[in-house]
PDB file of all heavy atoms in Angstrom:
ATOM      1  N   ASN A   1      18.192  -3.237   3.572  1.00  0.00           N
ATOM      2  CA  ASN A   1      17.915  -2.483   4.751  1.00  0.00           C
ATOM      3  C   ASN A   1      17.361  -3.421   5.890  1.00  0.00           C
ATOM      4  O   ASN A   1      16.319  -3.324   6.396  1.00  0.00           O
ATOM      5  CB  ASN A   1      16.722  -1.487   4.432  1.00  0.00           C
ATOM      6  CG  ASN A   1      17.209  -0.419   3.463  1.00  0.00           C
ATOM      7  OD1 ASN A   1      17.886   0.552   3.901  1.00  0.00           O
ATOM      8  ND2 ASN A   1      16.958  -0.542   2.192  1.00  0.00           N
ATOM      9  N   GLU A   2      18.208  -4.378   6.331  1.00  0.00           N
ATOM     10  CA  GLU A   2      17.837  -5.348   7.264  1.00  0.00           C
ATOM     11  C   GLU A   2      17.497  -4.758   8.550  1.00  0.00           C
ATOM     12  O   GLU A   2      18.013  -3.746   8.969  1.00  0.00           O
ATOM     13  CB  GLU A   2      19.137  -6.272   7.493  1.00  0.00           C
ATOM     14  CG  GLU A   2      18.853  -7.597   7.988  1.00  0.00           C
ATOM     15  CD  GLU A   2      20.066  -8.458   7.982  1.00  0.00           C
ATOM     16  OE1 GLU A   2      20.774  -8.539   7.041  1.00  0.00           O
ATOM     17  OE2 GLU A   2      20.380  -9.130   9.080  1.00  0.00           O
ATOM     18  N   GLY A   3      16.462  -5.405   9.218  1.00  0.00           N
ATOM     19  CA  GLY A   3      16.005  -4.891  10.487  1.00  0.00           C
ATOM     20  C   GLY A   3      14.939  -3.802  10.446  1.00  0.00           C
ATOM     21  O   GLY A   3      14.510  -3.239  11.431  1.00  0.00           O
ATOM     22  N   LYS A   4      14.508  -3.403   9.274  1.00  0.00           N
ATOM     23  CA  LYS A   4      13.499  -2.347   8.967  1.00  0.00           C
ATOM     24  C   LYS A   4      12.163  -2.946   8.797  1.00  0.00           C
ATOM     25  O   LYS A   4      12.090  -4.082   8.364  1.00  0.00           O
ATOM     26  CB  LYS A   4      13.918  -1.428   7.880  1.00  0.00           C
ATOM     27  CG  LYS A   4      15.288  -0.769   8.018  1.00  0.00           C
ATOM     28  CD  LYS A   4      15.275   0.290   9.091  1.00  0.00           C
ATOM     29  CE  LYS A   4      16.636   0.995   9.085  1.00  0.00           C
ATOM     30  NZ  LYS A   4      16.733   1.958  10.079  1.00  0.00           N
ATOM     31  N   GLU A   5      11.111  -2.167   8.962  1.00  0.00           N
ATOM     32  CA  GLU A   5       9.813  -2.512   8.524  1.00  0.00           C
ATOM     33  C   GLU A   5       9.470  -1.787   7.307  1.00  0.00           C
ATOM     34  O   GLU A   5       9.815  -0.565   7.145  1.00  0.00           O
ATOM     35  CB  GLU A   5       8.809  -2.224   9.624  1.00  0.00           C
ATOM     36  CG  GLU A   5       8.976  -3.186  10.773  1.00  0.00           C
ATOM     37  CD  GLU A   5       7.740  -3.133  11.683  1.00  0.00           C
ATOM     38  OE1 GLU A   5       6.734  -2.447  11.367  1.00  0.00           O
ATOM     39  OE2 GLU A   5       7.761  -3.778  12.714  1.00  0.00           O
ATOM     40  N   PHE A   6       8.831  -2.432   6.308  1.00  0.00           N
ATOM     41  CA  PHE A   6       8.616  -1.820   5.026  1.00  0.00           C
ATOM     42  C   PHE A   6       7.094  -1.629   4.722  1.00  0.00           C
ATOM     43  O   PHE A   6       6.292  -2.589   5.018  1.00  0.00           O
ATOM     44  CB  PHE A   6       9.191  -2.591   3.933  1.00  0.00           C
ATOM     45  CG  PHE A   6      10.689  -2.795   4.135  1.00  0.00           C
ATOM     46  CD1 PHE A   6      11.163  -3.831   4.769  1.00  0.00           C
ATOM     47  CD2 PHE A   6      11.569  -1.855   3.613  1.00  0.00           C
ATOM     48  CE1 PHE A   6      12.538  -4.022   5.020  1.00  0.00           C
ATOM     49  CE2 PHE A   6      12.886  -2.062   3.737  1.00  0.00           C
ATOM     50  CZ  PHE A   6      13.380  -3.050   4.525  1.00  0.00           C
ATOM     51  N   TYR A   7       6.636  -0.544   4.164  1.00  0.00           N
ATOM     52  CA  TYR A   7       5.292  -0.204   3.850  1.00  0.00           C
ATOM     53  C   TYR A   7       5.226   0.371   2.455  1.00  0.00           C
ATOM     54  O   TYR A   7       6.131   0.974   1.961  1.00  0.00           O
ATOM     55  CB  TYR A   7       4.748   0.816   4.866  1.00  0.00           C
ATOM     56  CG  TYR A   7       4.816   0.373   6.256  1.00  0.00           C
ATOM     57  CD1 TYR A   7       5.929   0.658   7.003  1.00  0.00           C
ATOM     58  CD2 TYR A   7       3.707  -0.271   6.826  1.00  0.00           C
ATOM     59  CE1 TYR A   7       5.951   0.286   8.373  1.00  0.00           C
ATOM     60  CE2 TYR A   7       3.757  -0.722   8.199  1.00  0.00           C
ATOM     61  CZ  TYR A   7       4.945  -0.360   8.922  1.00  0.00           C
ATOM     62  OH  TYR A   7       4.911  -0.885  10.235  1.00  0.00           O
ATOM     63  N   MET A   8       4.031  -0.056   1.885  1.00  0.00           N
ATOM     64  CA  MET A   8       3.805   0.572   0.520  1.00  0.00           C
ATOM     65  C   MET A   8       2.284   0.838   0.442  1.00  0.00           C
ATOM     66  O   MET A   8       1.456   0.312   1.121  1.00  0.00           O
ATOM     67  CB  MET A   8       4.145  -0.491  -0.541  1.00  0.00           C
ATOM     68  CG  MET A   8       5.541  -0.877  -0.617  1.00  0.00           C
ATOM     69  SD  MET A   8       5.945  -1.914  -2.039  1.00  0.00           S
ATOM     70  CE  MET A   8       5.895  -0.824  -3.416  1.00  0.00           C
ATOM     71  N   ILE A   9       1.918   1.887  -0.359  1.00  0.00           N
ATOM     72  CA  ILE A   9       0.570   2.293  -0.672  1.00  0.00           C
ATOM     73  C   ILE A   9       0.388   2.186  -2.163  1.00  0.00           C
ATOM     74  O   ILE A   9       1.172   2.754  -2.924  1.00  0.00           O
ATOM     75  CB  ILE A   9       0.316   3.670  -0.158  1.00  0.00           C
ATOM     76  CG1 ILE A   9       0.555   3.692   1.396  1.00  0.00           C
ATOM     77  CG2 ILE A   9      -1.137   3.991  -0.464  1.00  0.00           C
ATOM     78  CD1 ILE A   9       0.430   5.065   1.980  1.00  0.00           C
ATOM     79  N   VAL A  10      -0.649   1.399  -2.587  1.00  0.00           N
ATOM     80  CA  VAL A  10      -0.808   1.176  -4.008  1.00  0.00           C
ATOM     81  C   VAL A  10      -2.260   1.503  -4.425  1.00  0.00           C
ATOM     82  O   VAL A  10      -3.164   1.059  -3.642  1.00  0.00           O
ATOM     83  CB  VAL A  10      -0.473  -0.276  -4.482  1.00  0.00           C
ATOM     84  CG1 VAL A  10      -0.695  -0.538  -5.932  1.00  0.00           C
ATOM     85  CG2 VAL A  10       0.965  -0.596  -4.034  1.00  0.00           C
ATOM     86  N   ASN A  11      -2.504   2.191  -5.427  1.00  0.00           N
ATOM     87  CA  ASN A  11      -3.859   2.381  -5.982  1.00  0.00           C
ATOM     88  C   ASN A  11      -4.490   1.028  -6.227  1.00  0.00           C
ATOM     89  O   ASN A  11      -3.903   0.278  -6.919  1.00  0.00           O
ATOM     90  CB  ASN A  11      -3.888   3.188  -7.196  1.00  0.00           C
ATOM     91  CG  ASN A  11      -5.182   3.660  -7.672  1.00  0.00           C
ATOM     92  OD1 ASN A  11      -6.120   2.843  -7.788  1.00  0.00           O
ATOM     93  ND2 ASN A  11      -5.343   4.903  -7.957  1.00  0.00           N
ATOM     94  N   GLU A  12      -5.722   0.795  -5.638  1.00  0.00           N
ATOM     95  CA  GLU A  12      -6.381  -0.537  -5.869  1.00  0.00           C
ATOM     96  C   GLU A  12      -6.653  -0.861  -7.301  1.00  0.00           C
ATOM     97  O   GLU A  12      -6.896  -1.983  -7.663  1.00  0.00           O
ATOM     98  CB  GLU A  12      -7.594  -0.622  -5.040  1.00  0.00           C
ATOM     99  CG  GLU A  12      -8.775   0.166  -5.530  1.00  0.00           C
ATOM    100  CD  GLU A  12     -10.015   0.053  -4.587  1.00  0.00           C
ATOM    101  OE1 GLU A  12     -10.039  -0.781  -3.704  1.00  0.00           O
ATOM    102  OE2 GLU A  12     -10.971   0.789  -4.858  1.00  0.00           O
ATOM    103  N   ASN A  13      -6.664   0.098  -8.219  1.00  0.00           N
ATOM    104  CA  ASN A  13      -6.784  -0.163  -9.622  1.00  0.00           C
ATOM    105  C   ASN A  13      -5.600  -0.558 -10.353  1.00  0.00           C
ATOM    106  O   ASN A  13      -5.598  -0.936 -11.610  1.00  0.00           O
ATOM    107  CB  ASN A  13      -7.485   1.073 -10.356  1.00  0.00           C
ATOM    108  CG  ASN A  13      -8.864   1.364  -9.827  1.00  0.00           C
ATOM    109  OD1 ASN A  13      -9.584   0.444  -9.417  1.00  0.00           O
ATOM    110  ND2 ASN A  13      -9.131   2.615  -9.757  1.00  0.00           N
ATOM    111  N   ASN A  14      -4.383  -0.443  -9.773  1.00  0.00           N
ATOM    112  CA  ASN A  14      -3.068  -0.763 -10.339  1.00  0.00           C
ATOM    113  C   ASN A  14      -2.878  -2.233 -10.104  1.00  0.00           C
ATOM    114  O   ASN A  14      -2.020  -2.623  -9.279  1.00  0.00           O
ATOM    115  CB  ASN A  14      -2.041   0.080  -9.749  1.00  0.00           C
ATOM    116  CG  ASN A  14      -0.758  -0.018 -10.541  1.00  0.00           C
ATOM    117  OD1 ASN A  14      -0.508  -0.867 -11.251  1.00  0.00           O
ATOM    118  ND2 ASN A  14       0.158   0.975 -10.306  1.00  0.00           N
ATOM    119  N   THR A  15      -3.504  -3.085 -10.807  1.00  0.00           N
ATOM    120  CA  THR A  15      -3.341  -4.514 -10.596  1.00  0.00           C
ATOM    121  C   THR A  15      -1.960  -5.072 -10.855  1.00  0.00           C
ATOM    122  O   THR A  15      -1.572  -5.987 -10.173  1.00  0.00           O
ATOM    123  CB  THR A  15      -4.460  -5.320 -11.442  1.00  0.00           C
ATOM    124  OG1 THR A  15      -4.278  -4.920 -12.848  1.00  0.00           O
ATOM    125  CG2 THR A  15      -5.905  -4.978 -11.024  1.00  0.00           C
ATOM    126  N   SER A  16      -1.360  -4.587 -11.842  1.00  0.00           N
ATOM    127  CA  SER A  16       0.073  -5.097 -12.096  1.00  0.00           C
ATOM    128  C   SER A  16       1.072  -4.831 -10.969  1.00  0.00           C
ATOM    129  O   SER A  16       1.877  -5.616 -10.534  1.00  0.00           O
ATOM    130  CB  SER A  16       0.568  -4.520 -13.440  1.00  0.00           C
ATOM    131  OG  SER A  16       0.737  -3.093 -13.416  1.00  0.00           O
ATOM    132  N   SER A  17       0.827  -3.607 -10.371  1.00  0.00           N
ATOM    133  CA  SER A  17       1.782  -3.205  -9.252  1.00  0.00           C
ATOM    134  C   SER A  17       1.328  -4.108  -7.981  1.00  0.00           C
ATOM    135  O   SER A  17       2.187  -4.561  -7.245  1.00  0.00           O
ATOM    136  CB  SER A  17       1.594  -1.750  -8.841  1.00  0.00           C
ATOM    137  OG  SER A  17       2.411  -1.356  -7.812  1.00  0.00           O
ATOM    138  N   ILE A  18       0.069  -4.311  -7.775  1.00  0.00           N
ATOM    139  CA  ILE A  18      -0.384  -5.178  -6.658  1.00  0.00           C
ATOM    140  C   ILE A  18       0.227  -6.576  -6.758  1.00  0.00           C
ATOM    141  O   ILE A  18       0.625  -7.143  -5.799  1.00  0.00           O
ATOM    142  CB  ILE A  18      -1.941  -5.081  -6.593  1.00  0.00           C
ATOM    143  CG1 ILE A  18      -2.390  -3.788  -6.085  1.00  0.00           C
ATOM    144  CG2 ILE A  18      -2.341  -6.286  -5.621  1.00  0.00           C
ATOM    145  CD1 ILE A  18      -3.868  -3.539  -6.169  1.00  0.00           C
ATOM    146  N   LYS A  19       0.210  -7.196  -8.017  1.00  0.00           N
ATOM    147  CA  LYS A  19       0.742  -8.420  -8.218  1.00  0.00           C
ATOM    148  C   LYS A  19       2.245  -8.526  -7.908  1.00  0.00           C
ATOM    149  O   LYS A  19       2.742  -9.469  -7.291  1.00  0.00           O
ATOM    150  CB  LYS A  19       0.592  -8.846  -9.727  1.00  0.00           C
ATOM    151  CG  LYS A  19      -0.838  -9.249 -10.116  1.00  0.00           C
ATOM    152  CD  LYS A  19      -0.937  -9.642 -11.582  1.00  0.00           C
ATOM    153  CE  LYS A  19      -2.409  -9.810 -12.005  1.00  0.00           C
ATOM    154  NZ  LYS A  19      -2.531 -10.080 -13.380  1.00  0.00           N
ATOM    155  N   GLY A  20       3.022  -7.425  -8.387  1.00  0.00           N
ATOM    156  CA  GLY A  20       4.428  -7.368  -7.955  1.00  0.00           C
ATOM    157  C   GLY A  20       4.664  -7.266  -6.511  1.00  0.00           C
ATOM    158  O   GLY A  20       5.625  -7.899  -6.007  1.00  0.00           O
ATOM    159  N   VAL A  21       3.854  -6.468  -5.863  1.00  0.00           N
ATOM    160  CA  VAL A  21       4.026  -6.263  -4.373  1.00  0.00           C
ATOM    161  C   VAL A  21       3.753  -7.516  -3.724  1.00  0.00           C
ATOM    162  O   VAL A  21       4.526  -7.936  -2.762  1.00  0.00           O
ATOM    163  CB  VAL A  21       3.104  -5.078  -3.935  1.00  0.00           C
ATOM    164  CG1 VAL A  21       3.021  -5.008  -2.459  1.00  0.00           C
ATOM    165  CG2 VAL A  21       3.525  -3.751  -4.517  1.00  0.00           C
ATOM    166  N   LEU A  22       2.679  -8.263  -4.062  1.00  0.00           N
ATOM    167  CA  LEU A  22       2.386  -9.513  -3.402  1.00  0.00           C
ATOM    168  C   LEU A  22       3.469 -10.532  -3.658  1.00  0.00           C
ATOM    169  O   LEU A  22       3.887 -11.310  -2.772  1.00  0.00           O
ATOM    170  CB  LEU A  22       1.066  -9.996  -3.920  1.00  0.00           C
ATOM    171  CG  LEU A  22      -0.171  -9.268  -3.478  1.00  0.00           C
ATOM    172  CD1 LEU A  22      -1.428  -9.698  -4.188  1.00  0.00           C
ATOM    173  CD2 LEU A  22      -0.446  -9.348  -1.923  1.00  0.00           C
ATOM    174  N   LYS A  23       3.931 -10.597  -4.912  1.00  0.00           N
ATOM    175  CA  LYS A  23       5.088 -11.599  -5.215  1.00  0.00           C
ATOM    176  C   LYS A  23       6.318 -11.307  -4.446  1.00  0.00           C
ATOM    177  O   LYS A  23       6.984 -12.234  -4.166  1.00  0.00           O
ATOM    178  CB  LYS A  23       5.298 -11.487  -6.777  1.00  0.00           C
ATOM    179  CG  LYS A  23       6.266 -12.458  -7.334  1.00  0.00           C
ATOM    180  CD  LYS A  23       6.424 -12.279  -8.733  1.00  0.00           C
ATOM    181  CE  LYS A  23       7.427 -13.391  -9.293  1.00  0.00           C
ATOM    182  NZ  LYS A  23       7.483 -13.339 -10.767  1.00  0.00           N
ATOM    183  N   ALA A  24       6.540 -10.049  -4.073  1.00  0.00           N
ATOM    184  CA  ALA A  24       7.702  -9.803  -3.357  1.00  0.00           C
ATOM    185  C   ALA A  24       7.648  -9.965  -1.845  1.00  0.00           C
ATOM    186  O   ALA A  24       8.585  -9.762  -1.086  1.00  0.00           O
ATOM    187  CB  ALA A  24       8.130  -8.287  -3.536  1.00  0.00           C
ATOM    188  N   GLY A  25       6.440 -10.395  -1.380  1.00  0.00           N
ATOM    189  CA  GLY A  25       6.251 -10.778   0.035  1.00  0.00           C
ATOM    190  C   GLY A  25       5.601  -9.748   0.872  1.00  0.00           C
ATOM    191  O   GLY A  25       5.562  -9.907   2.052  1.00  0.00           O
ATOM    192  N   PHE A  26       4.865  -8.784   0.259  1.00  0.00           N
ATOM    193  CA  PHE A  26       4.068  -7.859   1.090  1.00  0.00           C
ATOM    194  C   PHE A  26       2.650  -8.387   1.163  1.00  0.00           C
ATOM    195  O   PHE A  26       2.149  -9.190   0.326  1.00  0.00           O
ATOM    196  CB  PHE A  26       4.058  -6.465   0.265  1.00  0.00           C
ATOM    197  CG  PHE A  26       5.282  -5.702   0.407  1.00  0.00           C
ATOM    198  CD1 PHE A  26       6.371  -6.031  -0.354  1.00  0.00           C
ATOM    199  CD2 PHE A  26       5.431  -4.674   1.249  1.00  0.00           C
ATOM    200  CE1 PHE A  26       7.550  -5.346  -0.332  1.00  0.00           C
ATOM    201  CE2 PHE A  26       6.559  -3.883   1.407  1.00  0.00           C
ATOM    202  CZ  PHE A  26       7.705  -4.217   0.564  1.00  0.00           C
ATOM    203  N   ILE A  27       1.966  -7.964   2.247  1.00  0.00           N
ATOM    204  CA  ILE A  27       0.578  -8.319   2.459  1.00  0.00           C
ATOM    205  C   ILE A  27      -0.257  -7.123   2.694  1.00  0.00           C
ATOM    206  O   ILE A  27       0.222  -6.063   3.346  1.00  0.00           O
ATOM    207  CB  ILE A  27       0.407  -9.286   3.599  1.00  0.00           C
ATOM    208  CG1 ILE A  27       0.913  -8.723   4.890  1.00  0.00           C
ATOM    209  CG2 ILE A  27       1.083 -10.590   3.314  1.00  0.00           C
ATOM    210  CD1 ILE A  27       0.445  -9.505   6.142  1.00  0.00           C
ATOM    211  N   PRO A  28      -1.506  -7.094   2.221  1.00  0.00           N
ATOM    212  CA  PRO A  28      -2.335  -5.897   2.582  1.00  0.00           C
ATOM    213  C   PRO A  28      -2.764  -5.902   3.945  1.00  0.00           C
ATOM    214  O   PRO A  28      -3.081  -6.870   4.528  1.00  0.00           O
ATOM    215  CB  PRO A  28      -3.462  -6.086   1.563  1.00  0.00           C
ATOM    216  CG  PRO A  28      -3.522  -7.522   1.253  1.00  0.00           C
ATOM    217  CD  PRO A  28      -2.163  -7.994   1.355  1.00  0.00           C
ATOM    218  N   PHE A  29      -2.849  -4.679   4.592  1.00  0.00           N
ATOM    219  CA  PHE A  29      -3.307  -4.605   5.928  1.00  0.00           C
ATOM    220  C   PHE A  29      -4.423  -3.563   6.212  1.00  0.00           C
ATOM    221  O   PHE A  29      -5.059  -3.478   7.192  1.00  0.00           O
ATOM    222  CB  PHE A  29      -2.189  -4.387   6.929  1.00  0.00           C
ATOM    223  CG  PHE A  29      -1.566  -2.968   6.913  1.00  0.00           C
ATOM    224  CD1 PHE A  29      -2.037  -2.009   7.769  1.00  0.00           C
ATOM    225  CD2 PHE A  29      -0.497  -2.768   6.087  1.00  0.00           C
ATOM    226  CE1 PHE A  29      -1.518  -0.694   7.704  1.00  0.00           C
ATOM    227  CE2 PHE A  29       0.050  -1.530   6.043  1.00  0.00           C
ATOM    228  CZ  PHE A  29      -0.407  -0.522   6.834  1.00  0.00           C
ATOM    229  N   ALA A  30      -4.644  -2.720   5.119  1.00  0.00           N
ATOM    230  CA  ALA A  30      -5.712  -1.614   5.295  1.00  0.00           C
ATOM    231  C   ALA A  30      -6.051  -1.067   3.889  1.00  0.00           C
ATOM    232  O   ALA A  30      -5.396  -1.372   2.869  1.00  0.00           O
ATOM    233  CB  ALA A  30      -5.152  -0.486   6.137  1.00  0.00           C
ATOM    234  N   LYS A  31      -7.180  -0.393   3.889  1.00  0.00           N
ATOM    235  CA  LYS A  31      -7.686   0.393   2.732  1.00  0.00           C
ATOM    236  C   LYS A  31      -7.851   1.748   3.158  1.00  0.00           C
ATOM    237  O   LYS A  31      -8.169   2.066   4.298  1.00  0.00           O
ATOM    238  CB  LYS A  31      -9.039  -0.283   2.263  1.00  0.00           C
ATOM    239  CG  LYS A  31      -8.928  -1.525   1.581  1.00  0.00           C
ATOM    240  CD  LYS A  31     -10.210  -1.975   1.055  1.00  0.00           C
ATOM    241  CE  LYS A  31     -10.129  -3.271   0.208  1.00  0.00           C
ATOM    242  NZ  LYS A  31     -11.423  -3.534  -0.458  1.00  0.00           N
ATOM    243  N   GLY A  32      -7.688   2.696   2.227  1.00  0.00           N
ATOM    244  CA  GLY A  32      -7.825   4.078   2.486  1.00  0.00           C
ATOM    245  C   GLY A  32      -8.029   4.974   1.322  1.00  0.00           C
ATOM    246  O   GLY A  32      -8.217   4.504   0.229  1.00  0.00           O
ATOM    247  N   HIS A  33      -7.929   6.234   1.592  1.00  0.00           N
ATOM    248  CA  HIS A  33      -8.134   7.298   0.480  1.00  0.00           C
ATOM    249  C   HIS A  33      -7.162   8.399   0.741  1.00  0.00           C
ATOM    250  O   HIS A  33      -6.517   8.456   1.737  1.00  0.00           O
ATOM    251  CB  HIS A  33      -9.512   7.716   0.518  1.00  0.00           C
ATOM    252  CG  HIS A  33      -9.961   8.599   1.668  1.00  0.00           C
ATOM    253  ND1 HIS A  33     -10.210   8.102   2.878  1.00  0.00           N
ATOM    254  CD2 HIS A  33      -9.928   9.945   1.814  1.00  0.00           C
ATOM    255  CE1 HIS A  33     -10.492   9.086   3.708  1.00  0.00           C
ATOM    256  NE2 HIS A  33     -10.315  10.156   3.137  1.00  0.00           N
ATOM    257  N   LYS A  34      -7.115   9.358  -0.218  1.00  0.00           N
ATOM    258  CA  LYS A  34      -6.400  10.633   0.006  1.00  0.00           C
ATOM    259  C   LYS A  34      -7.368  11.656   0.434  1.00  0.00           C
ATOM    260  O   LYS A  34      -8.457  11.796  -0.127  1.00  0.00           O
ATOM    261  CB  LYS A  34      -5.687  11.068  -1.251  1.00  0.00           C
ATOM    262  CG  LYS A  34      -4.384  10.370  -1.632  1.00  0.00           C
ATOM    263  CD  LYS A  34      -3.709  11.035  -2.813  1.00  0.00           C
ATOM    264  CE  LYS A  34      -2.453  10.316  -3.175  1.00  0.00           C
ATOM    265  NZ  LYS A  34      -1.822  10.955  -4.347  1.00  0.00           N
ATOM    266  N   ASN A  35      -7.060  12.462   1.462  1.00  0.00           N
ATOM    267  CA  ASN A  35      -7.923  13.478   1.937  1.00  0.00           C
ATOM    268  C   ASN A  35      -7.846  14.744   1.152  1.00  0.00           C
ATOM    269  O   ASN A  35      -7.022  14.797   0.171  1.00  0.00           O
ATOM    270  CB  ASN A  35      -7.786  13.620   3.394  1.00  0.00           C
ATOM    271  CG  ASN A  35      -6.517  14.226   3.783  1.00  0.00           C
ATOM    272  OD1 ASN A  35      -5.730  14.767   3.050  1.00  0.00           O
ATOM    273  ND2 ASN A  35      -6.190  14.189   5.082  1.00  0.00           N
ATOM    274  N   PHE A  36      -8.483  15.829   1.656  1.00  0.00           N
ATOM    275  CA  PHE A  36      -8.375  17.100   0.937  1.00  0.00           C
ATOM    276  C   PHE A  36      -7.018  17.663   0.864  1.00  0.00           C
ATOM    277  O   PHE A  36      -6.659  18.319  -0.028  1.00  0.00           O
ATOM    278  CB  PHE A  36      -9.369  18.114   1.743  1.00  0.00           C
ATOM    279  CG  PHE A  36      -9.285  19.454   1.205  1.00  0.00           C
ATOM    280  CD1 PHE A  36     -10.088  19.831   0.131  1.00  0.00           C
ATOM    281  CD2 PHE A  36      -8.530  20.468   1.933  1.00  0.00           C
ATOM    282  CE1 PHE A  36     -10.046  21.164  -0.372  1.00  0.00           C
ATOM    283  CE2 PHE A  36      -8.551  21.742   1.339  1.00  0.00           C
ATOM    284  CZ  PHE A  36      -9.280  22.066   0.329  1.00  0.00           C
ATOM    285  N   PHE A  37      -6.163  17.293   1.853  1.00  0.00           N
ATOM    286  CA  PHE A  37      -4.803  17.812   1.864  1.00  0.00           C
ATOM    287  C   PHE A  37      -3.849  16.875   1.143  1.00  0.00           C
ATOM    288  O   PHE A  37      -2.604  16.988   1.227  1.00  0.00           O
ATOM    289  CB  PHE A  37      -4.345  18.005   3.328  1.00  0.00           C
ATOM    290  CG  PHE A  37      -5.138  18.962   4.049  1.00  0.00           C
ATOM    291  CD1 PHE A  37      -6.038  18.508   5.012  1.00  0.00           C
ATOM    292  CD2 PHE A  37      -5.008  20.294   3.919  1.00  0.00           C
ATOM    293  CE1 PHE A  37      -6.880  19.407   5.698  1.00  0.00           C
ATOM    294  CE2 PHE A  37      -5.863  21.188   4.563  1.00  0.00           C
ATOM    295  CZ  PHE A  37      -6.860  20.767   5.484  1.00  0.00           C
ATOM    296  N   ASN A  38      -4.327  15.941   0.375  1.00  0.00           N
ATOM    297  CA  ASN A  38      -3.642  15.001  -0.483  1.00  0.00           C
ATOM    298  C   ASN A  38      -2.778  14.082   0.417  1.00  0.00           C
ATOM    299  O   ASN A  38      -1.672  13.632   0.077  1.00  0.00           O
ATOM    300  CB  ASN A  38      -2.687  15.689  -1.490  1.00  0.00           C
ATOM    301  CG  ASN A  38      -2.363  14.906  -2.646  1.00  0.00           C
ATOM    302  OD1 ASN A  38      -3.170  13.970  -3.097  1.00  0.00           O
ATOM    303  ND2 ASN A  38      -1.217  15.021  -3.262  1.00  0.00           N
ATOM    304  N   ARG A  39      -3.211  13.798   1.685  1.00  0.00           N
ATOM    305  CA  ARG A  39      -2.578  12.872   2.540  1.00  0.00           C
ATOM    306  C   ARG A  39      -3.392  11.504   2.619  1.00  0.00           C
ATOM    307  O   ARG A  39      -4.562  11.583   2.503  1.00  0.00           O
ATOM    308  CB  ARG A  39      -2.491  13.432   3.976  1.00  0.00           C
ATOM    309  CG  ARG A  39      -1.623  14.606   3.959  1.00  0.00           C
ATOM    310  CD  ARG A  39      -0.817  14.753   5.240  1.00  0.00           C
ATOM    311  NE  ARG A  39       0.076  15.832   5.164  1.00  0.00           N
ATOM    312  CZ  ARG A  39       0.440  16.539   6.176  1.00  0.00           C
ATOM    313  NH1 ARG A  39      -0.075  16.288   7.337  1.00  0.00           N
ATOM    314  NH2 ARG A  39       1.375  17.468   6.007  1.00  0.00           N
ATOM    315  N   TYR A  40      -2.693  10.410   2.781  1.00  0.00           N
ATOM    316  CA  TYR A  40      -3.342   9.123   2.874  1.00  0.00           C
ATOM    317  C   TYR A  40      -3.938   8.964   4.168  1.00  0.00           C
ATOM    318  O   TYR A  40      -3.400   9.173   5.259  1.00  0.00           O
ATOM    319  CB  TYR A  40      -2.291   7.973   2.529  1.00  0.00           C
ATOM    320  CG  TYR A  40      -1.811   8.002   1.127  1.00  0.00           C
ATOM    321  CD1 TYR A  40      -0.606   8.704   0.747  1.00  0.00           C
ATOM    322  CD2 TYR A  40      -2.489   7.467   0.063  1.00  0.00           C
ATOM    323  CE1 TYR A  40      -0.076   8.688  -0.455  1.00  0.00           C
ATOM    324  CE2 TYR A  40      -1.944   7.514  -1.184  1.00  0.00           C
ATOM    325  CZ  TYR A  40      -0.807   8.116  -1.455  1.00  0.00           C
ATOM    326  OH  TYR A  40      -0.328   8.147  -2.782  1.00  0.00           O
ATOM    327  N   VAL A  41      -5.163   8.414   4.146  1.00  0.00           N
ATOM    328  CA  VAL A  41      -5.949   8.154   5.391  1.00  0.00           C
ATOM    329  C   VAL A  41      -6.426   6.750   5.331  1.00  0.00           C
ATOM    330  O   VAL A  41      -6.913   6.300   4.325  1.00  0.00           O
ATOM    331  CB  VAL A  41      -7.132   9.107   5.455  1.00  0.00           C
ATOM    332  CG1 VAL A  41      -7.969   8.860   6.676  1.00  0.00           C
ATOM    333  CG2 VAL A  41      -6.642  10.622   5.458  1.00  0.00           C
ATOM    334  N   ILE A  42      -6.245   5.999   6.448  1.00  0.00           N
ATOM    335  CA  ILE A  42      -6.822   4.636   6.535  1.00  0.00           C
ATOM    336  C   ILE A  42      -8.265   4.663   6.914  1.00  0.00           C
ATOM    337  O   ILE A  42      -8.732   5.374   7.874  1.00  0.00           O
ATOM    338  CB  ILE A  42      -6.016   3.805   7.641  1.00  0.00           C
ATOM    339  CG1 ILE A  42      -4.629   3.543   7.096  1.00  0.00           C
ATOM    340  CG2 ILE A  42      -6.765   2.513   7.904  1.00  0.00           C
ATOM    341  CD1 ILE A  42      -3.757   2.759   8.104  1.00  0.00           C
ATOM    342  N   ASP A  43      -9.030   3.966   6.057  1.00  0.00           N
ATOM    343  CA  ASP A  43     -10.531   3.877   6.354  1.00  0.00           C
ATOM    344  C   ASP A  43     -10.899   2.555   7.016  1.00  0.00           C
ATOM    345  O   ASP A  43     -11.761   2.515   7.842  1.00  0.00           O
ATOM    346  CB  ASP A  43     -11.320   3.967   5.023  1.00  0.00           C
ATOM    347  CG  ASP A  43     -11.087   5.342   4.321  1.00  0.00           C
ATOM    348  OD1 ASP A  43     -11.002   6.325   4.970  1.00  0.00           O
ATOM    349  OD2 ASP A  43     -11.031   5.328   3.065  1.00  0.00           O
ATOM    350  N   GLN A  44     -10.148   1.558   6.725  1.00  0.00           N
ATOM    351  CA  GLN A  44     -10.485   0.221   7.183  1.00  0.00           C
ATOM    352  C   GLN A  44      -9.254  -0.659   7.281  1.00  0.00           C
ATOM    353  O   GLN A  44      -8.513  -0.837   6.290  1.00  0.00           O
ATOM    354  CB  GLN A  44     -11.423  -0.410   6.123  1.00  0.00           C
ATOM    355  CG  GLN A  44     -11.792  -1.883   6.384  1.00  0.00           C
ATOM    356  CD  GLN A  44     -12.652  -2.455   5.231  1.00  0.00           C
ATOM    357  OE1 GLN A  44     -12.812  -1.853   4.211  1.00  0.00           O
ATOM    358  NE2 GLN A  44     -13.083  -3.667   5.404  1.00  0.00           N
TER     359      GLN A  44
END
């Protein structure tokens, strides 16, 4: 998917997934939670 921007959201307790995401070239840019409506919200 050349020319696209890619995003992922990973539970901070899922250390094996975080290792794989970092190994593939992703970097963290925010922290957040799921709200009452089960939607992801950026806190920081």
